[in-house]
Protein backbone atom coordinates (compact mmCIF):
# COMPACT_ATOMS: atom_id res chain seq x y z
CA UNK A 1 146.53 122.92 46.22
CA UNK A 2 149.63 120.69 45.83
CA UNK A 3 149.40 117.30 47.52
CA UNK A 4 151.34 116.86 50.74
CA UNK A 5 154.14 114.32 50.48
CA UNK A 6 156.33 112.60 53.10
CA UNK A 7 159.73 114.12 53.81
CA UNK A 8 162.55 112.49 51.86
CA UNK A 9 166.27 112.87 52.47
CA UNK A 10 168.28 114.08 49.48
CA UNK A 11 170.33 110.89 49.74
CA UNK A 12 167.17 108.79 49.32
CA UNK A 13 166.18 110.66 46.19
CA UNK A 14 169.67 110.50 44.69
CA UNK A 15 169.89 106.79 45.48
CA UNK A 16 166.62 106.03 43.67
CA UNK A 17 167.68 108.04 40.62
CA UNK A 18 170.92 106.04 40.50
CA UNK A 19 168.90 102.82 40.85
CA UNK A 20 166.70 103.79 37.88
CA UNK A 21 169.78 104.39 35.74
CA UNK A 22 171.21 101.02 36.81
CA UNK A 23 167.93 99.27 36.00
CA UNK A 24 167.85 100.85 32.55
CA UNK A 25 171.52 100.03 31.86
CA UNK A 26 171.00 96.38 32.81
CA UNK A 27 167.73 96.03 30.88
CA UNK A 28 169.19 97.59 27.71
CA UNK A 29 172.74 96.28 28.15
CA UNK A 30 174.23 99.77 27.76
CA UNK A 31 176.78 101.88 29.57
CA UNK A 32 175.33 105.08 30.99
CA UNK A 33 177.13 108.17 29.70
CA UNK A 34 176.12 111.80 29.17
CA UNK A 35 173.76 112.91 27.84
CA UNK A 36 171.37 110.64 29.74
CA UNK A 37 168.87 109.05 27.28
CA UNK A 38 165.86 110.35 29.17
CA UNK A 39 163.31 109.74 26.40
CA UNK A 40 164.33 106.08 26.13
CA UNK A 41 164.20 105.70 29.90
CA UNK A 42 160.70 107.19 30.12
CA UNK A 43 159.17 105.64 27.00
CA UNK A 44 160.90 102.28 26.60
CA UNK A 45 161.91 101.40 30.16
CA UNK A 46 159.15 102.96 32.26
CA UNK A 47 156.64 102.62 29.40
CA UNK A 48 155.09 106.03 29.81
CA UNK A 49 153.50 107.91 26.91
CA UNK A 50 154.76 111.41 26.04
CA UNK A 51 152.56 114.04 24.38
CA UNK A 52 152.73 117.78 23.72
CA UNK A 53 149.86 120.24 24.13
CA UNK A 54 149.05 123.78 25.21
CA UNK A 55 148.76 123.23 28.96
CA UNK A 56 146.68 126.31 29.69
CA UNK A 57 144.23 125.58 26.90
CA UNK A 58 144.02 121.91 27.86
CA UNK A 59 143.19 122.73 31.47
CA UNK A 60 141.19 125.86 30.61
CA UNK A 61 143.40 127.96 32.84
CA UNK A 62 144.16 131.47 31.55
CA UNK A 63 147.74 132.63 31.47
CA UNK A 64 148.68 135.35 33.92
CA UNK A 65 149.53 137.88 31.19
CA UNK A 66 150.09 138.43 27.49
CA UNK A 67 153.39 137.25 26.14
CA UNK A 68 154.38 135.44 29.34
CA UNK A 69 155.81 131.93 29.39
CA UNK A 70 153.36 129.23 30.49
CA UNK A 71 153.18 128.60 34.22
CA UNK A 72 152.10 124.98 33.65
CA UNK A 73 154.87 122.98 31.95
CA UNK A 74 153.87 119.37 32.58
CA UNK A 75 151.12 116.99 33.66
CA UNK A 76 151.09 113.32 34.52
CA UNK A 77 148.26 110.79 34.75
CA UNK A 78 149.53 107.85 36.79
CA UNK A 79 146.67 105.48 35.95
CA UNK A 80 146.97 106.19 32.22
CA UNK A 81 150.80 106.17 32.30
CA UNK A 82 150.64 109.41 30.35
CA UNK A 83 152.77 112.55 30.43
CA UNK A 84 151.82 115.78 28.66
CA UNK A 85 154.39 118.56 28.27
CA UNK A 86 153.68 122.10 27.17
CA UNK A 87 154.14 122.52 23.44
CA UNK A 88 156.48 125.47 24.01
CA UNK A 89 159.12 122.94 25.12
CA UNK A 90 158.84 120.69 22.05
CA UNK A 91 162.52 120.36 21.04
CA UNK A 92 161.63 119.80 17.38
CA UNK A 93 159.77 123.10 17.25
CA UNK A 94 162.01 124.97 19.66
CA UNK A 95 165.52 123.46 19.83
CA UNK A 96 166.68 126.14 22.27
CA UNK A 97 164.30 124.65 24.85
CA UNK A 98 165.68 121.09 24.62
CA UNK A 99 167.43 121.28 27.99
CA UNK A 100 164.24 122.52 29.67
CA UNK A 101 162.23 119.80 27.89
CA UNK A 102 164.57 117.05 29.08
CA UNK A 103 164.44 118.37 32.65
CA UNK A 104 160.63 118.51 32.59
CA UNK A 105 160.49 114.97 31.24
CA UNK A 106 162.84 113.76 34.00
CA UNK A 107 160.75 115.69 36.53
CA UNK A 108 157.52 113.99 35.44
CA UNK A 109 158.69 110.55 34.34
CA UNK A 110 161.45 110.27 36.90
CA UNK A 111 160.56 112.29 39.97
CA UNK A 112 156.79 112.08 40.13
CA UNK A 113 156.52 108.57 38.70
CA UNK A 114 159.15 107.03 40.96
CA UNK A 115 158.51 109.02 44.12
CA UNK A 116 154.83 109.90 44.20
CA UNK A 117 152.61 107.57 42.18
CA UNK A 118 151.94 105.35 45.22
CA UNK A 119 150.36 108.38 46.91
CA UNK A 120 147.73 108.72 44.19
CA UNK A 121 146.02 105.33 44.29
CA UNK A 122 142.68 105.57 42.54
CA UNK A 123 139.51 104.78 44.46
CA UNK A 124 137.35 102.48 42.25
CA UNK A 125 134.25 103.82 44.01
CA UNK A 126 134.93 107.32 42.74
CA UNK A 127 133.33 107.23 39.30
CA UNK A 128 132.25 110.37 37.51
CA UNK A 129 128.49 110.57 37.08
CA UNK A 130 128.99 112.14 33.67
CA UNK A 131 131.92 110.00 32.48
CA UNK A 132 134.15 113.05 32.56
CA UNK A 133 137.87 112.41 31.96
CA UNK A 134 139.90 112.08 35.13
CA UNK A 135 141.95 115.16 36.06
CA UNK A 136 145.76 114.88 35.94
CA UNK A 137 147.35 113.23 38.97
CA UNK A 138 149.89 116.06 39.23
CA UNK A 139 149.85 119.49 37.58
CA UNK A 140 153.33 121.04 37.65
CA UNK A 141 153.43 124.83 37.88
CA UNK A 142 156.58 126.93 37.83
CA UNK A 143 155.00 129.13 40.49
CA UNK A 144 154.82 126.13 42.86
CA UNK A 145 158.41 124.96 42.40
CA UNK A 146 159.17 125.36 46.12
CA UNK A 147 156.33 123.06 47.21
CA UNK A 148 157.78 119.79 48.63
CA UNK A 149 156.22 117.59 45.93
CA UNK A 150 157.70 119.76 43.17
CA UNK A 151 161.06 120.25 44.89
CA UNK A 152 161.42 116.47 45.27
CA UNK A 153 160.65 115.89 41.58
CA UNK A 154 163.05 118.67 40.57
CA UNK A 155 165.87 117.26 42.68
CA UNK A 156 165.19 113.77 41.30
CA UNK A 157 165.41 115.16 37.75
CA UNK A 158 168.77 116.81 38.49
CA UNK A 159 170.16 113.57 39.95
CA UNK A 160 168.84 111.57 37.00
CA UNK A 161 170.13 113.84 34.24
CA UNK A 162 173.34 114.84 36.04
CA UNK A 163 174.43 111.78 38.05
CA UNK A 164 177.00 112.54 40.73
CA UNK A 165 179.65 110.13 39.40
CA UNK A 166 179.36 111.32 35.81
CA UNK A 167 179.46 115.00 36.76
CA UNK A 168 182.50 114.40 38.96
CA UNK A 169 184.23 112.54 36.11
CA UNK A 170 183.45 115.38 33.68
CA UNK A 171 184.81 117.90 36.19
CA UNK A 172 188.05 115.94 36.64
CA UNK A 173 188.45 115.73 32.86
CA UNK A 174 188.09 119.48 32.36
CA UNK A 175 189.93 120.44 35.56
CA UNK A 176 192.73 117.93 36.29
CA UNK A 177 193.51 119.83 39.50
CA UNK A 178 190.07 118.65 40.75
CA UNK A 179 189.69 121.83 42.77
CA UNK A 180 186.28 123.47 43.28
CA UNK A 181 185.76 126.94 41.83
CA UNK A 182 184.53 130.02 43.66
CA UNK A 183 183.65 133.59 42.70
CA UNK A 184 186.47 135.97 43.55
CA UNK A 185 185.95 137.55 46.97
CA UNK A 186 185.74 141.32 47.34
CA UNK A 187 188.33 141.09 50.12
CA UNK A 188 191.33 138.80 49.47
CA UNK A 189 191.33 135.71 51.72
CA UNK A 190 193.35 132.51 51.78
CA UNK A 191 191.45 129.43 50.62
CA UNK A 192 192.11 126.22 48.64
CA UNK A 193 189.76 126.98 45.72
CA UNK A 194 190.36 128.35 42.24
CA UNK A 195 188.71 131.73 41.77
CA UNK A 196 186.39 132.80 38.96
CA UNK A 197 186.50 136.43 37.91
CA UNK A 198 183.32 138.35 38.70
CA UNK A 199 181.76 141.04 36.53
CA UNK A 200 182.63 144.52 37.77
CA UNK A 201 181.43 148.03 37.14
CA UNK A 202 183.55 150.88 35.76
CA UNK A 203 185.04 151.37 39.21
CA UNK A 204 186.06 147.74 39.62
CA UNK A 205 183.29 146.91 42.09
CA UNK A 206 181.68 143.45 41.72
CA UNK A 207 178.17 143.47 40.25
CA UNK A 208 176.30 141.08 42.54
CA UNK A 209 173.29 140.90 40.23
CA UNK A 210 175.53 139.40 37.53
CA UNK A 211 176.78 136.49 39.66
CA UNK A 212 174.19 134.06 38.30
CA UNK A 213 175.17 135.01 34.75
CA UNK A 214 178.87 134.40 35.47
CA UNK A 215 178.24 131.05 37.16
CA UNK A 216 175.86 129.86 34.46
CA UNK A 217 178.30 130.85 31.74
CA UNK A 218 180.99 128.90 33.63
CA UNK A 219 178.64 125.86 33.82
CA UNK A 220 177.75 126.01 30.12
CA UNK A 221 180.33 123.44 28.84
CA UNK A 222 179.00 120.90 31.36
CA UNK A 223 175.41 121.82 30.47
CA UNK A 224 176.11 121.15 26.79
CA UNK A 225 177.72 117.80 27.58
CA UNK A 226 174.73 116.66 29.67
CA UNK A 227 172.13 118.44 27.48
CA UNK A 228 170.58 120.43 30.30
CA UNK A 229 170.15 124.16 30.78
CA UNK A 230 173.05 126.20 32.20
CA UNK A 231 170.78 127.08 35.14
CA UNK A 232 170.16 123.40 35.96
CA UNK A 233 173.87 122.59 35.68
CA UNK A 234 174.89 125.57 37.80
CA UNK A 235 172.51 124.45 40.55
CA UNK A 236 173.82 120.86 40.35
CA UNK A 237 177.48 121.95 40.52
CA UNK A 238 176.67 124.09 43.55
CA UNK A 239 174.85 121.19 45.20
CA UNK A 240 177.84 118.90 44.62
CA UNK A 241 180.21 121.44 46.20
CA UNK A 242 182.12 122.03 42.98
CA UNK A 243 180.97 125.61 42.46
CA UNK A 244 180.60 128.27 45.14
CA UNK A 245 179.43 131.85 45.37
CA UNK A 246 181.50 132.46 48.50
CA UNK A 247 184.21 130.47 50.22
CA UNK A 248 182.64 128.25 52.92
CA UNK A 249 183.76 129.46 56.34
CA UNK A 250 185.33 126.11 57.25
CA UNK A 251 187.55 126.35 54.16
CA UNK A 252 189.07 129.75 54.94
CA UNK A 253 192.76 129.29 55.65
CA UNK A 254 194.18 131.16 58.63
CA UNK A 255 197.70 132.50 58.40
CA UNK A 256 198.29 130.81 55.04
CA UNK A 257 197.98 127.36 56.61
């Protein structure tokens, strides 16, 4: 059962992620630019160890089915300052997973470490009678991504790897008009955004199931610049109001105004 955590405003989480980047920049005398050096931040600045292992074997938890991706992608031991990430995300063995690896590392070493470690203070009186190793402080499962503790760590990771100011600067560089983009509406309406063509069937009808694909393909150049997955970048661009599925009602122009 995931641990209950206090409610945190998005602004609080984003502010702490920005503070961590500022601390790192000052300590290392560097200018922060994409891609964010997440391994250096975790290992050299926060001084957390990073290991790879088969999460399900390590925890003796069977996978839910043959050939499925692991549900458990990361663990963290606060007292040991130790992070373990599933071996399937090792970027040296699987370069295609580098974006997912970096996000998981930011999730564990950024989100959980900065936001939650104070909630897991160890009780010295609780000593195993058999000297068994302590269980992980947090076990991160994909199936529990909507739990508050996991959502907070995910949002922290997105703010850390894709800082608002740097994403905005990258957007302005690629799109000098600075206008947000939106999927083309089925019915023409007046609005101030630039439209993105949707995928359509043989009759010209939009294929709603393909919207994620279109938006993630659109986000890919930004994802490559920040070394994150297209999914993560698409979600961040949507959160920043730069990318929309539909025109927000308050932005619909009446009478061409």
